[in-house]
PDB file of N, CA and C in Angstrom:
ATOM      1  N   MET A   1     107.992  94.884 106.156  1.00  0.00           N
ATOM      2  CA  MET A   1     108.117  95.908 105.226  1.00  0.00           C
ATOM      3  C   MET A   1     108.864  96.948 105.600  1.00  0.00           C
ATOM      4  N   GLU A   2     108.352  97.177 106.904  1.00  0.00           N
ATOM      5  CA  GLU A   2     108.724  98.586 107.740  1.00  0.00           C
ATOM      6  C   GLU A   2     110.147  98.564 108.201  1.00  0.00           C
ATOM      7  N   ASP A   3     110.712  97.170 108.592  1.00  0.00           N
ATOM      8  CA  ASP A   3     112.119  97.253 109.177  1.00  0.00           C
ATOM      9  C   ASP A   3     112.948  96.523 108.361  1.00  0.00           C
ATOM     10  N   LYS A   4     113.779  97.285 107.498  1.00  0.00           N
ATOM     11  CA  LYS A   4     114.547  96.666 106.501  1.00  0.00           C
ATOM     12  C   LYS A   4     115.480  95.646 106.896  1.00  0.00           C
ATOM     13  N   THR A   5     115.977  95.567 108.109  1.00  0.00           N
ATOM     14  CA  THR A   5     116.949  94.610 108.741  1.00  0.00           C
ATOM     15  C   THR A   5     116.250  93.473 109.139  1.00  0.00           C
ATOM     16  N   TYR A   6     115.161  93.458 109.324  1.00  0.00           N
ATOM     17  CA  TYR A   6     114.280  92.333 110.103  1.00  0.00           C
ATOM     18  C   TYR A   6     114.437  91.097 109.149  1.00  0.00           C
ATOM     19  N   LEU A   7     114.277  91.135 107.846  1.00  0.00           N
ATOM     20  CA  LEU A   7     114.492  90.166 107.198  1.00  0.00           C
ATOM     21  C   LEU A   7     115.922  89.391 107.143  1.00  0.00           C
ATOM     22  N   SER A   8     116.851  89.911 107.340  1.00  0.00           N
ATOM     23  CA  SER A   8     118.250  89.659 107.369  1.00  0.00           C
ATOM     24  C   SER A   8     118.404  88.816 108.681  1.00  0.00           C
ATOM     25  N   ASN A   9     117.779  89.649 109.663  1.00  0.00           N
ATOM     26  CA  ASN A   9     117.948  89.316 111.011  1.00  0.00           C
ATOM     27  C   ASN A   9     117.273  88.141 111.355  1.00  0.00           C
ATOM     28  N   ASN A  10     116.186  87.716 110.912  1.00  0.00           N
ATOM     29  CA  ASN A  10     115.178  86.833 111.247  1.00  0.00           C
ATOM     30  C   ASN A  10     114.663  85.574 110.303  1.00  0.00           C
ATOM     31  N   PHE A  11     115.145  85.951 108.979  1.00  0.00           N
ATOM     32  CA  PHE A  11     115.089  84.667 108.267  1.00  0.00           C
ATOM     33  C   PHE A  11     116.011  84.083 107.614  1.00  0.00           C
ATOM     34  N   THR A  12     116.443  82.745 107.945  1.00  0.00           N
ATOM     35  CA  THR A  12     117.698  82.047 107.508  1.00  0.00           C
ATOM     36  C   THR A  12     116.905  80.521 106.914  1.00  0.00           C
ATOM     37  N   THR A  13     117.412  80.042 105.956  1.00  0.00           N
ATOM     38  CA  THR A  13     117.150  78.778 105.587  1.00  0.00           C
ATOM     39  C   THR A  13     118.477  77.824 105.089  1.00  0.00           C
ATOM     40  N   CYS A  14     118.013  76.539 105.010  1.00  0.00           N
ATOM     41  CA  CYS A  14     119.276  75.979 104.379  1.00  0.00           C
ATOM     42  C   CYS A  14     118.603  74.896 103.751  1.00  0.00           C
ATOM     43  N   PRO A  15     119.422  74.019 102.798  1.00  0.00           N
ATOM     44  CA  PRO A  15     118.846  73.083 101.796  1.00  0.00           C
ATOM     45  C   PRO A  15     117.856  72.313 102.686  1.00  0.00           C
ATOM     46  N   GLU A  16     118.185  71.511 103.701  1.00  0.00           N
ATOM     47  CA  GLU A  16     117.408  70.936 104.309  1.00  0.00           C
ATOM     48  C   GLU A  16     115.954  71.227 104.734  1.00  0.00           C
ATOM     49  N   ASP A  17     115.692  72.690 104.595  1.00  0.00           N
ATOM     50  CA  ASP A  17     114.409  73.223 104.777  1.00  0.00           C
ATOM     51  C   ASP A  17     113.284  72.912 103.818  1.00  0.00           C
ATOM     52  N   ARG A  18     114.072  72.671 102.627  1.00  0.00           N
ATOM     53  CA  ARG A  18     113.235  72.255 101.315  1.00  0.00           C
ATOM     54  C   ARG A  18     112.234  70.995 101.417  1.00  0.00           C
ATOM     55  N   PRO A  19     110.900  71.200 100.926  1.00  0.00           N
ATOM     56  CA  PRO A  19     110.177  72.692 100.362  1.00  0.00           C
ATOM     57  C   PRO A  19     109.923  73.407 101.601  1.00  0.00           C
ATOM     58  N   LEU A  20     110.022  74.587 101.232  1.00  0.00           N
ATOM     59  CA  LEU A  20     109.892  75.907 102.227  1.00  0.00           C
ATOM     60  C   LEU A  20     108.889  76.573 101.740  1.00  0.00           C
ATOM     61  N   PHE A  21     107.747  76.851 102.684  1.00  0.00           N
ATOM     62  CA  PHE A  21     106.742  77.465 102.406  1.00  0.00           C
ATOM     63  C   PHE A  21     106.705  78.676 103.395  1.00  0.00           C
ATOM     64  N   VAL A  22     106.492  80.009 103.077  1.00  0.00           N
ATOM     65  CA  VAL A  22     106.735  81.137 103.867  1.00  0.00           C
ATOM     66  C   VAL A  22     105.423  81.789 103.967  1.00  0.00           C
ATOM     67  N   GLN A  23     104.765  81.877 105.262  1.00  0.00           N
ATOM     68  CA  GLN A  23     103.535  82.329 105.334  1.00  0.00           C
ATOM     69  C   GLN A  23     103.475  83.863 105.836  1.00  0.00           C
ATOM     70  N   PHE A  24     102.690  84.707 105.292  1.00  0.00           N
ATOM     71  CA  PHE A  24     102.464  86.203 105.892  1.00  0.00           C
ATOM     72  C   PHE A  24     101.100  86.315 106.364  1.00  0.00           C
ATOM     73  N   CYS A  25     100.980  87.395 107.512  1.00  0.00           N
ATOM     74  CA  CYS A  25      99.810  88.028 107.522  1.00  0.00           C
ATOM     75  C   CYS A  25      99.951  89.454 107.308  1.00  0.00           C
ATOM     76  N   ALA A  26      98.816  89.847 106.336  1.00  0.00           N
ATOM     77  CA  ALA A  26      98.939  91.206 105.692  1.00  0.00           C
ATOM     78  C   ALA A  26      97.665  91.771 105.758  1.00  0.00           C
ATOM     79  N   ASN A  27      97.193  92.879 105.336  1.00  0.00           N
ATOM     80  CA  ASN A  27      96.015  93.210 104.941  1.00  0.00           C
ATOM     81  C   ASN A  27      96.161  94.661 103.987  1.00  0.00           C
ATOM     82  N   ASP A  28      97.234  94.456 103.257  1.00  0.00           N
ATOM     83  CA  ASP A  28      97.289  95.271 102.107  1.00  0.00           C
ATOM     84  C   ASP A  28      97.899  94.650 101.076  1.00  0.00           C
ATOM     85  N   PRO A  29      97.300  94.369  99.822  1.00  0.00           N
ATOM     86  CA  PRO A  29      97.728  93.612  98.862  1.00  0.00           C
ATOM     87  C   PRO A  29      99.172  93.848  98.184  1.00  0.00           C
ATOM     88  N   ASP A  30      99.635  95.166  98.185  1.00  0.00           N
ATOM     89  CA  ASP A  30     100.728  95.644  97.862  1.00  0.00           C
ATOM     90  C   ASP A  30     101.908  95.470  98.844  1.00  0.00           C
ATOM     91  N   THR A  31     101.563  95.514  99.991  1.00  0.00           N
ATOM     92  CA  THR A  31     102.660  95.019 101.238  1.00  0.00           C
ATOM     93  C   THR A  31     103.052  93.916 101.020  1.00  0.00           C
ATOM     94  N   LEU A  32     102.011  92.835 100.866  1.00  0.00           N
ATOM     95  CA  LEU A  32     101.906  91.583 100.717  1.00  0.00           C
ATOM     96  C   LEU A  32     102.906  91.252  99.510  1.00  0.00           C
ATOM     97  N   LEU A  33     102.719  91.692  98.288  1.00  0.00           N
ATOM     98  CA  LEU A  33     103.471  91.301  97.081  1.00  0.00           C
ATOM     99  C   LEU A  33     104.753  91.854  97.455  1.00  0.00           C
ATOM    100  N   ALA A  34     105.091  92.811  97.889  1.00  0.00           N
ATOM    101  CA  ALA A  34     106.482  93.359  98.102  1.00  0.00           C
ATOM    102  C   ALA A  34     106.937  92.572  99.243  1.00  0.00           C
ATOM    103  N   ALA A  35     106.704  92.050 100.125  1.00  0.00           N
ATOM    104  CA  ALA A  35     107.307  90.853 101.087  1.00  0.00           C
ATOM    105  C   ALA A  35     107.435  89.733 100.461  1.00  0.00           C
ATOM    106  N   ALA A  36     106.386  89.083  99.584  1.00  0.00           N
ATOM    107  CA  ALA A  36     106.872  87.887  98.928  1.00  0.00           C
ATOM    108  C   ALA A  36     107.766  88.122  97.824  1.00  0.00           C
ATOM    109  N   LYS A  37     107.934  89.165  97.161  1.00  0.00           N
ATOM    110  CA  LYS A  37     108.935  89.343  96.267  1.00  0.00           C
ATOM    111  C   LYS A  37     110.386  89.353  97.185  1.00  0.00           C
ATOM    112  N   MET A  38     110.397  89.836  98.218  1.00  0.00           N
ATOM    113  CA  MET A  38     111.750  89.806  99.160  1.00  0.00           C
ATOM    114  C   MET A  38     112.108  88.289  99.257  1.00  0.00           C
ATOM    115  N   VAL A  39     111.313  87.468  99.399  1.00  0.00           N
ATOM    116  CA  VAL A  39     111.631  85.725  99.801  1.00  0.00           C
ATOM    117  C   VAL A  39     111.518  84.931  98.585  1.00  0.00           C
ATOM    118  N   GLU A  40     110.916  85.450  97.493  1.00  0.00           N
ATOM    119  CA  GLU A  40     110.520  84.603  96.554  1.00  0.00           C
ATOM    120  C   GLU A  40     111.525  83.857  95.966  1.00  0.00           C
ATOM    121  N   ASP A  41     112.928  83.995  95.847  1.00  0.00           N
ATOM    122  CA  ASP A  41     114.284  83.335  95.843  1.00  0.00           C
ATOM    123  C   ASP A  41     114.709  82.457  96.620  1.00  0.00           C
ATOM    124  N   ARG A  42     114.033  82.474  97.847  1.00  0.00           N
ATOM    125  CA  ARG A  42     114.611  81.676  99.086  1.00  0.00           C
ATOM    126  C   ARG A  42     113.620  80.819  99.768  1.00  0.00           C
ATOM    127  N   CYS A  43     112.274  80.353  98.917  1.00  0.00           N
ATOM    128  CA  CYS A  43     111.462  79.481  99.373  1.00  0.00           C
ATOM    129  C   CYS A  43     110.594  79.048  98.138  1.00  0.00           C
ATOM    130  N   ASP A  44     109.602  78.111  98.398  1.00  0.00           N
ATOM    131  CA  ASP A  44     109.324  77.518  97.260  1.00  0.00           C
ATOM    132  C   ASP A  44     107.691  77.842  97.188  1.00  0.00           C
ATOM    133  N   ALA A  45     107.293  78.467  97.998  1.00  0.00           N
ATOM    134  CA  ALA A  45     105.761  78.977  97.853  1.00  0.00           C
ATOM    135  C   ALA A  45     105.712  79.920  99.052  1.00  0.00           C
ATOM    136  N   VAL A  46     104.697  80.857  98.766  1.00  0.00           N
ATOM    137  CA  VAL A  46     104.266  82.052  99.707  1.00  0.00           C
ATOM    138  C   VAL A  46     102.730  81.969  99.757  1.00  0.00           C
ATOM    139  N   ASP A  47     102.296  81.913 101.255  1.00  0.00           N
ATOM    140  CA  ASP A  47     100.956  81.708 101.656  1.00  0.00           C
ATOM    141  C   ASP A  47     100.573  82.848 102.327  1.00  0.00           C
ATOM    142  N   ILE A  48      99.237  83.050 102.340  1.00  0.00           N
ATOM    143  CA  ILE A  48      98.887  84.311 103.377  1.00  0.00           C
ATOM    144  C   ILE A  48      98.123  83.559 104.200  1.00  0.00           C
ATOM    145  N   ASN A  49      98.193  84.195 105.323  1.00  0.00           N
ATOM    146  CA  ASN A  49      97.273  83.404 106.722  1.00  0.00           C
ATOM    147  C   ASN A  49      96.020  84.168 106.827  1.00  0.00           C
ATOM    148  N   LEU A  50      94.923  83.197 106.412  1.00  0.00           N
ATOM    149  CA  LEU A  50      93.652  83.827 106.446  1.00  0.00           C
ATOM    150  C   LEU A  50      92.804  82.822 107.514  1.00  0.00           C
ATOM    151  N   GLY A  51      93.681  82.289 108.491  1.00  0.00           N
ATOM    152  CA  GLY A  51      92.927  81.394 109.572  1.00  0.00           C
ATOM    153  C   GLY A  51      92.936  81.927 111.091  1.00  0.00           C
ATOM    154  N   CYS A  52      94.034  83.158 111.057  1.00  0.00           N
ATOM    155  CA  CYS A  52      94.161  83.427 112.677  1.00  0.00           C
ATOM    156  C   CYS A  52      92.906  84.142 113.027  1.00  0.00           C
ATOM    157  N   PRO A  53      92.365  83.480 114.126  1.00  0.00           N
ATOM    158  CA  PRO A  53      91.123  84.128 114.842  1.00  0.00           C
ATOM    159  C   PRO A  53      91.528  85.033 115.879  1.00  0.00           C
ATOM    160  N   GLN A  54      92.625  85.097 116.486  1.00  0.00           N
ATOM    161  CA  GLN A  54      93.136  85.778 117.658  1.00  0.00           C
ATOM    162  C   GLN A  54      92.866  87.511 117.691  1.00  0.00           C
ATOM    163  N   GLY A  55      92.641  87.901 118.685  1.00  0.00           N
ATOM    164  CA  GLY A  55      92.328  89.261 118.981  1.00  0.00           C
ATOM    165  C   GLY A  55      93.416  90.351 118.118  1.00  0.00           C
ATOM    166  N   ILE A  56      94.577  89.964 118.203  1.00  0.00           N
ATOM    167  CA  ILE A  56      95.499  90.683 117.503  1.00  0.00           C
ATOM    168  C   ILE A  56      95.459  90.595 116.077  1.00  0.00           C
ATOM    169  N   ALA A  57      94.739  89.841 115.606  1.00  0.00           N
ATOM    170  CA  ALA A  57      94.441  89.840 114.179  1.00  0.00           C
ATOM    171  C   ALA A  57      93.328  90.539 113.631  1.00  0.00           C
ATOM    172  N   ARG A  58      92.179  90.417 114.532  1.00  0.00           N
ATOM    173  CA  ARG A  58      91.059  91.500 114.400  1.00  0.00           C
ATOM    174  C   ARG A  58      91.583  92.981 114.491  1.00  0.00           C
ATOM    175  N   LYS A  59      92.504  93.298 115.650  1.00  0.00           N
ATOM    176  CA  LYS A  59      93.063  94.518 115.661  1.00  0.00           C
ATOM    177  C   LYS A  59      94.055  95.093 114.608  1.00  0.00           C
ATOM    178  N   GLY A  60      94.366  93.917 113.915  1.00  0.00           N
ATOM    179  CA  GLY A  60      95.466  94.504 112.873  1.00  0.00           C
ATOM    180  C   GLY A  60      95.111  94.305 111.670  1.00  0.00           C
ATOM    181  N   HIS A  61      93.644  93.667 111.405  1.00  0.00           N
ATOM    182  CA  HIS A  61      93.064  93.709 110.293  1.00  0.00           C
ATOM    183  C   HIS A  61      93.578  92.536 109.422  1.00  0.00           C
ATOM    184  N   TYR A  62      93.778  91.329 109.909  1.00  0.00           N
ATOM    185  CA  TYR A  62      94.451  90.158 109.224  1.00  0.00           C
ATOM    186  C   TYR A  62      93.868  89.081 109.650  1.00  0.00           C
ATOM    187  N   GLY A  63      94.527  87.969 109.058  1.00  0.00           N
ATOM    188  CA  GLY A  63      94.004  86.544 109.523  1.00  0.00           C
ATOM    189  C   GLY A  63      92.627  86.349 109.124  1.00  0.00           C
ATOM    190  N   SER A  64      91.975  85.642 110.062  1.00  0.00           N
ATOM    191  CA  SER A  64      90.413  85.275 109.509  1.00  0.00           C
ATOM    192  C   SER A  64      89.631  86.221 109.359  1.00  0.00           C
ATOM    193  N   PHE A  65      89.915  87.217 109.672  1.00  0.00           N
ATOM    194  CA  PHE A  65      88.934  88.498 109.641  1.00  0.00           C
ATOM    195  C   PHE A  65      88.947  89.443 108.270  1.00  0.00           C
ATOM    196  N   LEU A  66      89.916  88.781 107.245  1.00  0.00           N
ATOM    197  CA  LEU A  66      89.968  89.284 106.017  1.00  0.00           C
ATOM    198  C   LEU A  66      88.822  88.526 105.417  1.00  0.00           C
ATOM    199  N   LEU A  67      88.451  87.389 105.937  1.00  0.00           N
ATOM    200  CA  LEU A  67      87.392  86.403 104.931  1.00  0.00           C
ATOM    201  C   LEU A  67      86.118  87.380 104.765  1.00  0.00           C
ATOM    202  N   GLY A  68      85.927  88.114 105.788  1.00  0.00           N
ATOM    203  CA  GLY A  68      84.808  89.038 105.304  1.00  0.00           C
ATOM    204  C   GLY A  68      84.770  90.174 104.424  1.00  0.00           C
ATOM    205  N   GLU A  69      86.115  90.124 103.964  1.00  0.00           N
ATOM    206  CA  GLU A  69      86.194  91.043 102.743  1.00  0.00           C
ATOM    207  C   GLU A  69      86.632  90.325 101.635  1.00  0.00           C
ATOM    208  N   PRO A  70      86.247  89.716 100.720  1.00  0.00           N
ATOM    209  CA  PRO A  70      86.552  88.695  99.720  1.00  0.00           C
ATOM    210  C   PRO A  70      87.387  89.428  98.545  1.00  0.00           C
ATOM    211  N   GLU A  71      86.679  90.609  98.527  1.00  0.00           N
ATOM    212  CA  GLU A  71      87.284  91.603  97.275  1.00  0.00           C
ATOM    213  C   GLU A  71      88.862  92.085  97.805  1.00  0.00           C
ATOM    214  N   LEU A  72      89.063  92.218  99.005  1.00  0.00           N
ATOM    215  CA  LEU A  72      90.443  92.750  99.555  1.00  0.00           C
ATOM    216  C   LEU A  72      91.443  91.407  99.260  1.00  0.00           C
ATOM    217  N   ILE A  73      91.018  90.181  99.415  1.00  0.00           N
ATOM    218  CA  ILE A  73      91.996  88.995  99.146  1.00  0.00           C
ATOM    219  C   ILE A  73      91.828  88.652  97.883  1.00  0.00           C
ATOM    220  N   GLY A  74      90.936  89.165  96.756  1.00  0.00           N
ATOM    221  CA  GLY A  74      91.062  88.617  95.417  1.00  0.00           C
ATOM    222  C   GLY A  74      90.276  87.708  95.139  1.00  0.00           C
ATOM    223  N   TYR A  75      89.364  87.144  96.045  1.00  0.00           N
ATOM    224  CA  TYR A  75      88.244  86.291  96.024  1.00  0.00           C
ATOM    225  C   TYR A  75      87.097  86.805  95.227  1.00  0.00           C
ATOM    226  N   LYS A  76      86.492  86.187  94.227  1.00  0.00           N
ATOM    227  CA  LYS A  76      85.284  86.406  93.561  1.00  0.00           C
ATOM    228  C   LYS A  76      84.349  85.540  93.636  1.00  0.00           C
ATOM    229  N   TYR A  77      83.264  85.593  94.088  1.00  0.00           N
ATOM    230  CA  TYR A  77      82.198  84.618  94.001  1.00  0.00           C
ATOM    231  C   TYR A  77      81.622  84.228  92.869  1.00  0.00           C
TER     232      TYR A  77
END
């Protein structure tokens, strides 16, 4: 979302890619929604990565580290 040319430079698809799922890592619901809207007509589904346990995910506050904040990811017990 920060680099407007990133999508055009790094995201290409072709009919043979279907079905196509796009996965994002994010820690802000509004940013995730905006990113998903940028690709919604070019994929079949959008997924949020809640499984990454790497240190960079902890530092960036995304991946599996969001599981400790269910209210942020929209999960209600």
